[in-house]
Structures are given as structure tokens and as C-alpha cells.
Amino acid sequence: MKKFAVLLLAAIMVTSVAACTTTEEEKTTAQNQDAPGQEQALPLVTEGKLIMSTNAGFAPYEYLEGDSIVGVDVDIAQYIADELNLELEIMDVDFTNALLAPQQNKSDFAAAGVSITEERKKSMDFSVEYASSKQVVVVKKGDTSITDEASMMTKIVGVQQGTTADIVYGDTEAYPNGNVQAYKKYLVAADDLKNGKIDCIVMDDLPAQMIVQQNPELEVLDMELFTDKYAFALKKGNQELLDKINPILQELVESGKVEEFTKKHMENAM
């Protein structure tokens, strides 16, 4: 009888401890859950900040105005940061490193007129597209030797390192006779074009118009090679941040704000 009483008492004590433990666990879980009207912290590189990696030599999408980086992508990113109650921080690096930064946890997304490609989809995730741009050819004014892609590929072609033009025309299997020179900055390529070191530059249409505006010795040929679609590039698998960015970006496109930003910066950069 005494032995039974001891066992009964022990069972009661274990049950009480378990009940207390469960209560504490439930309390901790409740504290960790979102309070009404609040959201869980986003998976950001730095808490409270939205870090954008870019290459500020791609007007009107990103360019320097004094010491400040401005442009279409900057306006879009600032709008998104404001909607998410975050501080926007901009990291200016070369284009290749701008794309690598989200994968290396150095930025939350890359925005530099980033084109959506099947190859890039293997290593990064893309937001909804917000713009499209045709690829054009920039030559010295008066040069009529390039009439199509075939004649272009008999020349020395300048591209920006890591861009779709670099990927397409730097492909030695597709273009075994191609002579492609990759640059970190378009302005350096423009100088080489003016000095006869290369024969043309393949680049996006709007930045090409900016280059020609700044360099009247150059012109854009009336031919289109292919069309790109732009999006923000995020680290592969960062779906939570992507789900926050996409509705805001879609709203900007549908409301005409992206078009408004583009018009403003086309005028400012000229």
C-alpha cells in the first residue's frame, strides 16, 4: 500500500512538471508568433535595411548625379523599401559582382537592368518583370559596314562583362569566328569605339541613347538584335522576400509609375 502511494505521488509530480513545461513552451511559442497586425522579420542581409547591388553606369536605370546614385531602378527600390518600412542601401560594384552579391549574402537583390535568362534562373530567382529593352548596335557615326548580325560578327564587338550580349555573342560555339571584347563599363567601351580599338558596341537601347547623347561621334544603328526583359535578381530560394517585392513591383508597373520613372530619368540623364 505504501509502495503504491509512493508510485502515485511520483506520477502526479511527473504530470505536474509536464504540464508546467507544456505551459512554458506554449507561452514561448505565443511570444514568438506575430502579434495582430505585425509581420515576421524578413530574411534580409542586414536587419532593417534593403540592400541593392548595382552598377551605376547604366543610365537611365542607374547613374551618378554628383555623388548620388539615381535612376529608374533606384526609384523603384526606394518605393519598395518605403512600403516595407526599410532603409534602402545601394552597393555600387561592377555588373558581374552586382549579380553575385545576393548569392554571397552581400545584398538582398541586384538591380542593374538585369535581364531574365534561363541560364541565370539556375543560380538566382527573379522578380516579376518591370521593363523590356531591345539590344542595339552602337557604331561610329557614318559607319555603314554593319547591316545585320552576320556582318556585325565579322567585326570587333564590345559588350559589357556579364550582360546578355556578353553571354550571347561571347559564345564561341555559336559564334566561333566572333571577336568579342568584354568591358566592365560602357563608357570605356565608348572611348575604345571612338579611338578605333573596337568596331561596335552591343547594348540595351535606352542606355545606348544615353551613350550617344554624351558622345555625338557615335550613333545607334536602326536594327534590333533581340529583346530583353528586366527584373530584380534575388538569392535562389529567398521566396519570402520575393513574395513581398513582387506585389509592390506589379503595382508600380500597372499604375504607370515605372514608365513615369523612366521618362523622368531619360530627361534628367540627357
C-alpha atoms as a PDB file:
ATOM      1  CA  MET A   1       0.000   0.000   0.000  1.00  0.00           C
ATOM      2  CA  LYS A   2       2.842   2.336   0.960  1.00  0.00           C
ATOM      3  CA  LYS A   3       4.648   1.402  -2.248  1.00  0.00           C
ATOM      4  CA  PHE A   4       1.503   2.192  -4.289  1.00  0.00           C
ATOM      5  CA  ALA A   5       1.158   5.622  -2.603  1.00  0.00           C
ATOM      6  CA  VAL A   6       4.779   6.483  -3.445  1.00  0.00           C
ATOM      7  CA  LEU A   7       4.271   5.499  -7.109  1.00  0.00           C
ATOM      8  CA  LEU A   8       1.034   7.504  -7.253  1.00  0.00           C
ATOM      9  CA  LEU A   9       2.763  10.570  -5.819  1.00  0.00           C
ATOM     10  CA  ALA A  10       5.622  10.239  -8.315  1.00  0.00           C
ATOM     11  CA  ALA A  11       3.155  10.006 -11.215  1.00  0.00           C
ATOM     12  CA  ILE A  12       1.355  13.131 -10.033  1.00  0.00           C
ATOM     13  CA  MET A  13       4.675  15.022  -9.789  1.00  0.00           C
ATOM     14  CA  VAL A  14       5.719  13.982 -13.329  1.00  0.00           C
ATOM     15  CA  THR A  15       2.336  15.031 -14.702  1.00  0.00           C
ATOM     16  CA  SER A  16       2.606  18.400 -12.951  1.00  0.00           C
ATOM     17  CA  VAL A  17       6.108  19.021 -14.310  1.00  0.00           C
ATOM     18  CA  ALA A  18       4.971  18.056 -17.810  1.00  0.00           C
ATOM     19  CA  ALA A  19       2.015  20.407 -17.548  1.00  0.00           C
ATOM     20  CA  CYS A  20       4.287  23.271 -16.428  1.00  0.00           C
ATOM     21  CA  THR A  21       6.728  22.526 -19.243  1.00  0.00           C
ATOM     22  CA  THR A  22       3.948  22.498 -21.799  1.00  0.00           C
ATOM     23  CA  THR A  23       2.635  25.769 -20.458  1.00  0.00           C
ATOM     24  CA  GLU A  24       6.091  27.379 -20.764  1.00  0.00           C
ATOM     25  CA  GLU A  25       6.524  26.022 -24.293  1.00  0.00           C
ATOM     26  CA  GLU A  26       3.109  27.343 -25.300  1.00  0.00           C
ATOM     27  CA  LYS A  27       3.975  30.712 -23.754  1.00  0.00           C
ATOM     28  CA  THR A  28       7.278  30.900 -25.666  1.00  0.00           C
ATOM     29  CA  THR A  29       5.573  29.903 -28.919  1.00  0.00           C
ATOM     30  CA  ALA A  30       2.903  32.531 -28.401  1.00  0.00           C
ATOM     31  CA  GLN A  31       5.561  35.183 -27.775  1.00  0.00           C
ATOM     32  CA  ASN A  32       7.354  34.207 -30.999  1.00  0.00           C
ATOM     33  CA  GLN A  33       4.200  34.298 -33.083  1.00  0.00           C
ATOM     34  CA  ASP A  34       3.210  37.509 -34.864  1.00  0.00           C
ATOM     35  CA  ALA A  35       1.083  39.846 -32.818  1.00  0.00           C
ATOM     36  CA  PRO A  36      -2.069  41.041 -34.576  1.00  0.00           C
ATOM     37  CA  GLY A  37      -1.159  43.489 -37.342  1.00  0.00           C
ATOM     38  CA  GLN A  38       2.557  42.629 -37.198  1.00  0.00           C
ATOM     39  CA  GLU A  39       4.644  40.558 -39.625  1.00  0.00           C
ATOM     40  CA  GLN A  40       7.647  38.343 -39.089  1.00  0.00           C
ATOM     41  CA  ALA A  41      11.035  39.858 -39.872  1.00  0.00           C
ATOM     42  CA  LEU A  42      12.053  39.351 -43.494  1.00  0.00           C
ATOM     43  CA  PRO A  43      15.173  37.327 -44.360  1.00  0.00           C
ATOM     44  CA  LEU A  44      17.457  40.309 -45.011  1.00  0.00           C
ATOM     45  CA  VAL A  45      21.245  40.565 -45.166  1.00  0.00           C
ATOM     46  CA  THR A  46      21.072  43.382 -42.594  1.00  0.00           C
ATOM     47  CA  GLU A  47      18.051  43.821 -40.334  1.00  0.00           C
ATOM     48  CA  GLY A  48      16.122  46.993 -41.100  1.00  0.00           C
ATOM     49  CA  LYS A  49      17.848  47.569 -44.445  1.00  0.00           C
ATOM     50  CA  LEU A  50      17.101  46.654 -48.046  1.00  0.00           C
ATOM     51  CA  ILE A  51      20.462  46.378 -49.812  1.00  0.00           C
ATOM     52  CA  MET A  52      20.527  46.734 -53.597  1.00  0.00           C
ATOM     53  CA  SER A  53      23.643  45.832 -55.568  1.00  0.00           C
ATOM     54  CA  THR A  54      24.057  47.615 -58.886  1.00  0.00           C
ATOM     55  CA  ASN A  55      26.463  49.074 -61.417  1.00  0.00           C
ATOM     56  CA  ALA A  56      25.911  52.821 -61.656  1.00  0.00           C
ATOM     57  CA  GLY A  57      26.869  53.192 -65.295  1.00  0.00           C
ATOM     58  CA  PHE A  58      23.647  52.171 -66.988  1.00  0.00           C
ATOM     59  CA  ALA A  59      21.580  55.330 -67.436  1.00  0.00           C
ATOM     60  CA  PRO A  60      18.666  55.827 -67.173  1.00  0.00           C
ATOM     61  CA  TYR A  61      18.363  52.804 -64.867  1.00  0.00           C
ATOM     62  CA  GLU A  62      21.272  53.733 -62.588  1.00  0.00           C
ATOM     63  CA  TYR A  63      23.767  56.553 -62.960  1.00  0.00           C
ATOM     64  CA  LEU A  64      25.641  59.142 -60.925  1.00  0.00           C
ATOM     65  CA  GLU A  65      24.211  62.568 -60.191  1.00  0.00           C
ATOM     66  CA  GLY A  66      27.020  64.269 -58.309  1.00  0.00           C
ATOM     67  CA  ASP A  67      27.960  61.747 -55.618  1.00  0.00           C
ATOM     68  CA  SER A  68      24.496  60.165 -55.539  1.00  0.00           C
ATOM     69  CA  ILE A  69      23.342  57.070 -57.420  1.00  0.00           C
ATOM     70  CA  VAL A  70      19.988  57.736 -59.069  1.00  0.00           C
ATOM     71  CA  GLY A  71      17.877  56.154 -61.790  1.00  0.00           C
ATOM     72  CA  VAL A  72      14.788  54.119 -62.600  1.00  0.00           C
ATOM     73  CA  ASP A  73      15.913  51.091 -60.582  1.00  0.00           C
ATOM     74  CA  VAL A  74      16.783  53.317 -57.623  1.00  0.00           C
ATOM     75  CA  ASP A  75      13.330  54.930 -57.637  1.00  0.00           C
ATOM     76  CA  ILE A  76      11.686  51.503 -57.784  1.00  0.00           C
ATOM     77  CA  ALA A  77      13.890  50.141 -54.993  1.00  0.00           C
ATOM     78  CA  GLN A  78      13.235  53.205 -52.821  1.00  0.00           C
ATOM     79  CA  TYR A  79       9.480  52.790 -53.274  1.00  0.00           C
ATOM     80  CA  ILE A  80       9.698  49.117 -52.273  1.00  0.00           C
ATOM     81  CA  ALA A  81      11.883  49.932 -49.248  1.00  0.00           C
ATOM     82  CA  ASP A  82       9.390  52.588 -48.102  1.00  0.00           C
ATOM     83  CA  GLU A  83       6.474  50.161 -48.468  1.00  0.00           C
ATOM     84  CA  LEU A  84       8.349  47.591 -46.349  1.00  0.00           C
ATOM     85  CA  ASN A  85       9.479  50.195 -43.783  1.00  0.00           C
ATOM     86  CA  LEU A  86      13.131  49.542 -44.586  1.00  0.00           C
ATOM     87  CA  GLU A  87      16.120  51.774 -45.243  1.00  0.00           C
ATOM     88  CA  LEU A  88      17.472  51.468 -48.787  1.00  0.00           C
ATOM     89  CA  GLU A  89      21.218  50.979 -49.119  1.00  0.00           C
ATOM     90  CA  ILE A  90      22.938  50.875 -52.522  1.00  0.00           C
ATOM     91  CA  MET A  91      26.103  48.903 -53.268  1.00  0.00           C
ATOM     92  CA  ASP A  92      27.870  50.092 -56.441  1.00  0.00           C
ATOM     93  CA  VAL A  93      30.120  47.420 -57.977  1.00  0.00           C
ATOM     94  CA  ASP A  94      30.807  46.073 -61.465  1.00  0.00           C
ATOM     95  CA  PHE A  95      27.929  44.242 -63.155  1.00  0.00           C
ATOM     96  CA  THR A  96      29.256  40.715 -62.545  1.00  0.00           C
ATOM     97  CA  ASN A  97      29.705  41.349 -58.811  1.00  0.00           C
ATOM     98  CA  ALA A  98      26.315  43.049 -58.620  1.00  0.00           C
ATOM     99  CA  LEU A  99      24.743  39.774 -59.764  1.00  0.00           C
ATOM    100  CA  LEU A 100      26.890  37.714 -57.402  1.00  0.00           C
ATOM    101  CA  ALA A 101      26.185  39.851 -54.325  1.00  0.00           C
ATOM    102  CA  PRO A 102      22.755  38.339 -53.429  1.00  0.00           C
ATOM    103  CA  GLN A 103      24.157  34.805 -53.815  1.00  0.00           C
ATOM    104  CA  GLN A 104      27.037  35.740 -51.484  1.00  0.00           C
ATOM    105  CA  ASN A 105      24.720  37.336 -48.887  1.00  0.00           C
ATOM    106  CA  LYS A 106      26.172  40.788 -49.575  1.00  0.00           C
ATOM    107  CA  SER A 107      22.957  42.301 -50.902  1.00  0.00           C
ATOM    108  CA  ASP A 108      19.248  41.457 -50.851  1.00  0.00           C
ATOM    109  CA  PHE A 109      18.784  41.845 -54.591  1.00  0.00           C
ATOM    110  CA  ALA A 110      20.563  43.024 -57.728  1.00  0.00           C
ATOM    111  CA  ALA A 111      19.074  45.688 -59.988  1.00  0.00           C
ATOM    112  CA  ALA A 112      21.070  46.951 -62.950  1.00  0.00           C
ATOM    113  CA  GLY A 113      18.883  46.345 -65.956  1.00  0.00           C
ATOM    114  CA  VAL A 114      19.204  42.644 -65.149  1.00  0.00           C
ATOM    115  CA  SER A 115      17.838  40.507 -67.984  1.00  0.00           C
ATOM    116  CA  ILE A 116      15.955  37.276 -67.276  1.00  0.00           C
ATOM    117  CA  THR A 117      17.701  34.285 -68.872  1.00  0.00           C
ATOM    118  CA  GLU A 118      17.280  30.535 -68.467  1.00  0.00           C
ATOM    119  CA  GLU A 119      20.947  30.214 -67.508  1.00  0.00           C
ATOM    120  CA  ARG A 120      20.639  32.810 -64.738  1.00  0.00           C
ATOM    121  CA  LYS A 121      17.498  31.129 -63.404  1.00  0.00           C
ATOM    122  CA  LYS A 122      19.700  28.194 -62.387  1.00  0.00           C
ATOM    123  CA  SER A 123      21.546  30.282 -59.797  1.00  0.00           C
ATOM    124  CA  MET A 124      19.147  33.100 -58.883  1.00  0.00           C
ATOM    125  CA  ASP A 125      15.451  33.891 -58.550  1.00  0.00           C
ATOM    126  CA  PHE A 126      13.775  36.732 -60.441  1.00  0.00           C
ATOM    127  CA  SER A 127      11.022  39.122 -59.506  1.00  0.00           C
ATOM    128  CA  VAL A 128       8.201  39.877 -61.905  1.00  0.00           C
ATOM    129  CA  GLU A 129       9.499  41.732 -64.961  1.00  0.00           C
ATOM    130  CA  TYR A 130       9.123  45.504 -64.920  1.00  0.00           C
ATOM    131  CA  ALA A 131      10.635  46.598 -68.260  1.00  0.00           C
ATOM    132  CA  SER A 132      11.829  45.321 -71.616  1.00  0.00           C
ATOM    133  CA  SER A 133      14.626  46.554 -73.823  1.00  0.00           C
ATOM    134  CA  LYS A 134      15.845  45.733 -77.289  1.00  0.00           C
ATOM    135  CA  GLN A 135      19.535  45.083 -77.906  1.00  0.00           C
ATOM    136  CA  VAL A 136      21.014  47.515 -80.425  1.00  0.00           C
ATOM    137  CA  VAL A 137      24.333  48.251 -82.091  1.00  0.00           C
ATOM    138  CA  VAL A 138      26.337  51.443 -81.483  1.00  0.00           C
ATOM    139  CA  VAL A 139      28.910  52.445 -84.115  1.00  0.00           C
ATOM    140  CA  LYS A 140      30.978  55.466 -85.108  1.00  0.00           C
ATOM    141  CA  LYS A 141      28.774  57.959 -86.912  1.00  0.00           C
ATOM    142  CA  GLY A 142      28.684  57.263 -90.632  1.00  0.00           C
ATOM    143  CA  ASP A 143      29.805  53.631 -90.419  1.00  0.00           C
ATOM    144  CA  THR A 144      27.569  51.653 -92.804  1.00  0.00           C
ATOM    145  CA  SER A 145      29.546  48.402 -92.816  1.00  0.00           C
ATOM    146  CA  ILE A 146      27.223  46.669 -90.327  1.00  0.00           C
ATOM    147  CA  THR A 147      23.825  45.814 -91.791  1.00  0.00           C
ATOM    148  CA  ASP A 148      22.841  42.696 -89.834  1.00  0.00           C
ATOM    149  CA  GLU A 149      24.033  40.289 -87.141  1.00  0.00           C
ATOM    150  CA  ALA A 150      26.186  38.322 -89.589  1.00  0.00           C
ATOM    151  CA  SER A 151      28.153  41.364 -90.746  1.00  0.00           C
ATOM    152  CA  MET A 152      28.437  42.552 -87.145  1.00  0.00           C
ATOM    153  CA  MET A 153      30.129  39.312 -86.120  1.00  0.00           C
ATOM    154  CA  THR A 154      32.926  39.898 -88.640  1.00  0.00           C
ATOM    155  CA  LYS A 155      33.867  42.959 -86.561  1.00  0.00           C
ATOM    156  CA  ILE A 156      35.369  43.544 -83.114  1.00  0.00           C
ATOM    157  CA  VAL A 157      32.308  43.741 -80.874  1.00  0.00           C
ATOM    158  CA  GLY A 158      32.294  45.462 -77.484  1.00  0.00           C
ATOM    159  CA  VAL A 159      29.935  44.249 -74.737  1.00  0.00           C
ATOM    160  CA  GLN A 160      29.611  44.771 -71.012  1.00  0.00           C
ATOM    161  CA  GLN A 161      31.013  41.922 -68.953  1.00  0.00           C
ATOM    162  CA  GLY A 162      28.345  39.523 -67.699  1.00  0.00           C
ATOM    163  CA  THR A 163      25.455  41.003 -69.703  1.00  0.00           C
ATOM    164  CA  THR A 164      23.226  39.043 -72.058  1.00  0.00           C
ATOM    165  CA  ALA A 165      25.161  40.495 -75.002  1.00  0.00           C
ATOM    166  CA  ASP A 166      28.327  39.028 -73.490  1.00  0.00           C
ATOM    167  CA  ILE A 167      26.595  35.681 -72.927  1.00  0.00           C
ATOM    168  CA  VAL A 168      25.142  35.544 -76.455  1.00  0.00           C
ATOM    169  CA  TYR A 169      27.978  36.893 -78.579  1.00  0.00           C
ATOM    170  CA  GLY A 170      30.793  35.634 -76.383  1.00  0.00           C
ATOM    171  CA  ASP A 171      29.574  32.070 -77.009  1.00  0.00           C
ATOM    172  CA  THR A 172      32.428  30.631 -79.096  1.00  0.00           C
ATOM    173  CA  GLU A 173      30.362  27.595 -80.093  1.00  0.00           C
ATOM    174  CA  ALA A 174      27.562  29.689 -81.545  1.00  0.00           C
ATOM    175  CA  TYR A 175      29.938  32.316 -82.937  1.00  0.00           C
ATOM    176  CA  PRO A 176      33.306  30.569 -83.471  1.00  0.00           C
ATOM    177  CA  ASN A 177      34.639  33.448 -85.582  1.00  0.00           C
ATOM    178  CA  GLY A 178      33.442  36.159 -83.240  1.00  0.00           C
ATOM    179  CA  ASN A 179      35.833  38.714 -81.792  1.00  0.00           C
ATOM    180  CA  VAL A 180      34.183  39.986 -78.623  1.00  0.00           C
ATOM    181  CA  GLN A 181      35.783  42.391 -76.161  1.00  0.00           C
ATOM    182  CA  ALA A 182      34.139  42.490 -72.705  1.00  0.00           C
ATOM    183  CA  TYR A 183      34.275  45.700 -70.641  1.00  0.00           C
ATOM    184  CA  LYS A 184      33.346  46.454 -67.046  1.00  0.00           C
ATOM    185  CA  LYS A 185      31.894  49.842 -68.052  1.00  0.00           C
ATOM    186  CA  TYR A 186      30.180  51.008 -71.227  1.00  0.00           C
ATOM    187  CA  LEU A 187      31.924  54.386 -71.104  1.00  0.00           C
ATOM    188  CA  VAL A 188      35.298  52.658 -71.523  1.00  0.00           C
ATOM    189  CA  ALA A 189      33.898  50.728 -74.486  1.00  0.00           C
ATOM    190  CA  ALA A 190      32.619  54.003 -75.962  1.00  0.00           C
ATOM    191  CA  ASP A 191      36.099  55.527 -75.715  1.00  0.00           C
ATOM    192  CA  ASP A 192      37.616  52.482 -77.433  1.00  0.00           C
ATOM    193  CA  LEU A 193      34.974  52.688 -80.170  1.00  0.00           C
ATOM    194  CA  LYS A 194      35.783  56.357 -80.811  1.00  0.00           C
ATOM    195  CA  ASN A 195      39.509  55.515 -80.894  1.00  0.00           C
ATOM    196  CA  GLY A 196      39.048  52.639 -83.361  1.00  0.00           C
ATOM    197  CA  LYS A 197      40.013  49.847 -80.960  1.00  0.00           C
ATOM    198  CA  ILE A 198      36.641  48.148 -81.476  1.00  0.00           C
ATOM    199  CA  ASP A 199      34.070  48.435 -84.290  1.00  0.00           C
ATOM    200  CA  CYS A 200      30.786  48.492 -82.401  1.00  0.00           C
ATOM    201  CA  ILE A 201      29.069  48.028 -79.043  1.00  0.00           C
ATOM    202  CA  VAL A 202      26.051  45.785 -78.428  1.00  0.00           C
ATOM    203  CA  MET A 203      23.903  47.109 -75.571  1.00  0.00           C
ATOM    204  CA  ASP A 204      20.386  47.940 -74.395  1.00  0.00           C
ATOM    205  CA  ASP A 205      18.522  50.623 -76.315  1.00  0.00           C
ATOM    206  CA  LEU A 206      17.908  53.288 -73.646  1.00  0.00           C
ATOM    207  CA  PRO A 207      21.475  53.232 -72.255  1.00  0.00           C
ATOM    208  CA  ALA A 208      22.690  53.306 -75.874  1.00  0.00           C
ATOM    209  CA  GLN A 209      20.703  56.503 -76.416  1.00  0.00           C
ATOM    210  CA  MET A 210      22.378  57.951 -73.319  1.00  0.00           C
ATOM    211  CA  ILE A 211      25.851  56.980 -74.580  1.00  0.00           C
ATOM    212  CA  VAL A 212      25.213  58.598 -77.972  1.00  0.00           C
ATOM    213  CA  GLN A 213      23.855  61.736 -76.310  1.00  0.00           C
ATOM    214  CA  GLN A 214      27.119  62.067 -74.400  1.00  0.00           C
ATOM    215  CA  ASN A 215      29.254  61.069 -77.399  1.00  0.00           C
ATOM    216  CA  PRO A 216      27.990  62.767 -80.591  1.00  0.00           C
ATOM    217  CA  GLU A 217      30.670  60.955 -82.625  1.00  0.00           C
ATOM    218  CA  LEU A 218      28.627  57.771 -82.163  1.00  0.00           C
ATOM    219  CA  GLU A 219      25.205  56.628 -83.361  1.00  0.00           C
ATOM    220  CA  VAL A 220      22.740  53.784 -82.836  1.00  0.00           C
ATOM    221  CA  LEU A 221      22.028  51.654 -85.897  1.00  0.00           C
ATOM    222  CA  ASP A 222      18.419  51.113 -86.935  1.00  0.00           C
ATOM    223  CA  MET A 223      18.457  47.374 -86.239  1.00  0.00           C
ATOM    224  CA  GLU A 224      17.317  45.191 -83.367  1.00  0.00           C
ATOM    225  CA  LEU A 225      19.218  42.049 -82.362  1.00  0.00           C
ATOM    226  CA  PHE A 226      16.903  40.670 -79.662  1.00  0.00           C
ATOM    227  CA  THR A 227      14.732  41.872 -76.776  1.00  0.00           C
ATOM    228  CA  ASP A 228      15.477  41.521 -73.050  1.00  0.00           C
ATOM    229  CA  LYS A 229      13.103  41.615 -70.102  1.00  0.00           C
ATOM    230  CA  TYR A 230      14.298  43.196 -66.848  1.00  0.00           C
ATOM    231  CA  ALA A 231      13.673  42.015 -63.288  1.00  0.00           C
ATOM    232  CA  PHE A 232      15.293  42.152 -59.858  1.00  0.00           C
ATOM    233  CA  ALA A 233      17.581  39.198 -59.082  1.00  0.00           C
ATOM    234  CA  LEU A 234      17.442  37.604 -55.609  1.00  0.00           C
ATOM    235  CA  LYS A 235      19.270  34.777 -53.893  1.00  0.00           C
ATOM    236  CA  LYS A 236      17.980  31.394 -55.001  1.00  0.00           C
ATOM    237  CA  GLY A 237      15.273  30.270 -52.594  1.00  0.00           C
ATOM    238  CA  ASN A 238      14.570  33.640 -50.929  1.00  0.00           C
ATOM    239  CA  GLN A 239      10.875  33.224 -51.671  1.00  0.00           C
ATOM    240  CA  GLU A 240       9.718  35.149 -48.603  1.00  0.00           C
ATOM    241  CA  LEU A 241      11.378  38.386 -49.729  1.00  0.00           C
ATOM    242  CA  LEU A 242      10.320  37.743 -53.325  1.00  0.00           C
ATOM    243  CA  ASP A 243       6.693  37.435 -52.215  1.00  0.00           C
ATOM    244  CA  LYS A 244       6.942  40.865 -50.560  1.00  0.00           C
ATOM    245  CA  ILE A 245       8.633  42.576 -53.509  1.00  0.00           C
ATOM    246  CA  ASN A 246       6.507  41.187 -56.354  1.00  0.00           C
ATOM    247  CA  PRO A 247       3.092  42.716 -55.483  1.00  0.00           C
ATOM    248  CA  ILE A 248       4.684  46.154 -54.987  1.00  0.00           C
ATOM    249  CA  LEU A 249       6.600  45.893 -58.242  1.00  0.00           C
ATOM    250  CA  GLN A 250       3.495  44.737 -60.092  1.00  0.00           C
ATOM    251  CA  GLU A 251       1.556  47.690 -58.702  1.00  0.00           C
ATOM    252  CA  LEU A 252       4.274  50.092 -59.930  1.00  0.00           C
ATOM    253  CA  VAL A 253       4.096  48.614 -63.428  1.00  0.00           C
ATOM    254  CA  GLU A 254       0.295  48.589 -63.651  1.00  0.00           C
ATOM    255  CA  SER A 255      -0.097  52.113 -62.239  1.00  0.00           C
ATOM    256  CA  GLY A 256       2.346  53.544 -64.778  1.00  0.00           C
ATOM    257  CA  LYS A 257       4.871  54.601 -62.133  1.00  0.00           C
ATOM    258  CA  VAL A 258       7.740  52.675 -63.758  1.00  0.00           C
ATOM    259  CA  GLU A 259       7.016  54.423 -67.032  1.00  0.00           C
ATOM    260  CA  GLU A 260       6.931  57.728 -65.151  1.00  0.00           C
ATOM    261  CA  PHE A 261      10.302  56.989 -63.503  1.00  0.00           C
ATOM    262  CA  THR A 262      11.783  56.069 -66.894  1.00  0.00           C
ATOM    263  CA  LYS A 263      10.596  59.264 -68.580  1.00  0.00           C
ATOM    264  CA  LYS A 264      11.945  61.370 -65.718  1.00  0.00           C
ATOM    265  CA  HIS A 265      15.400  59.821 -65.827  1.00  0.00           C
ATOM    266  CA  MET A 266      15.593  59.849 -69.625  1.00  0.00           C
ATOM    267  CA  GLU A 267      15.138  63.611 -69.390  1.00  0.00           C
ATOM    268  CA  ASN A 268      17.488  64.027 -66.424  1.00  0.00           C
ATOM    269  CA  ALA A 269      20.307  61.939 -67.832  1.00  0.00           C
ATOM    270  CA  MET A 270      20.358  63.705 -71.217  1.00  0.00           C
END
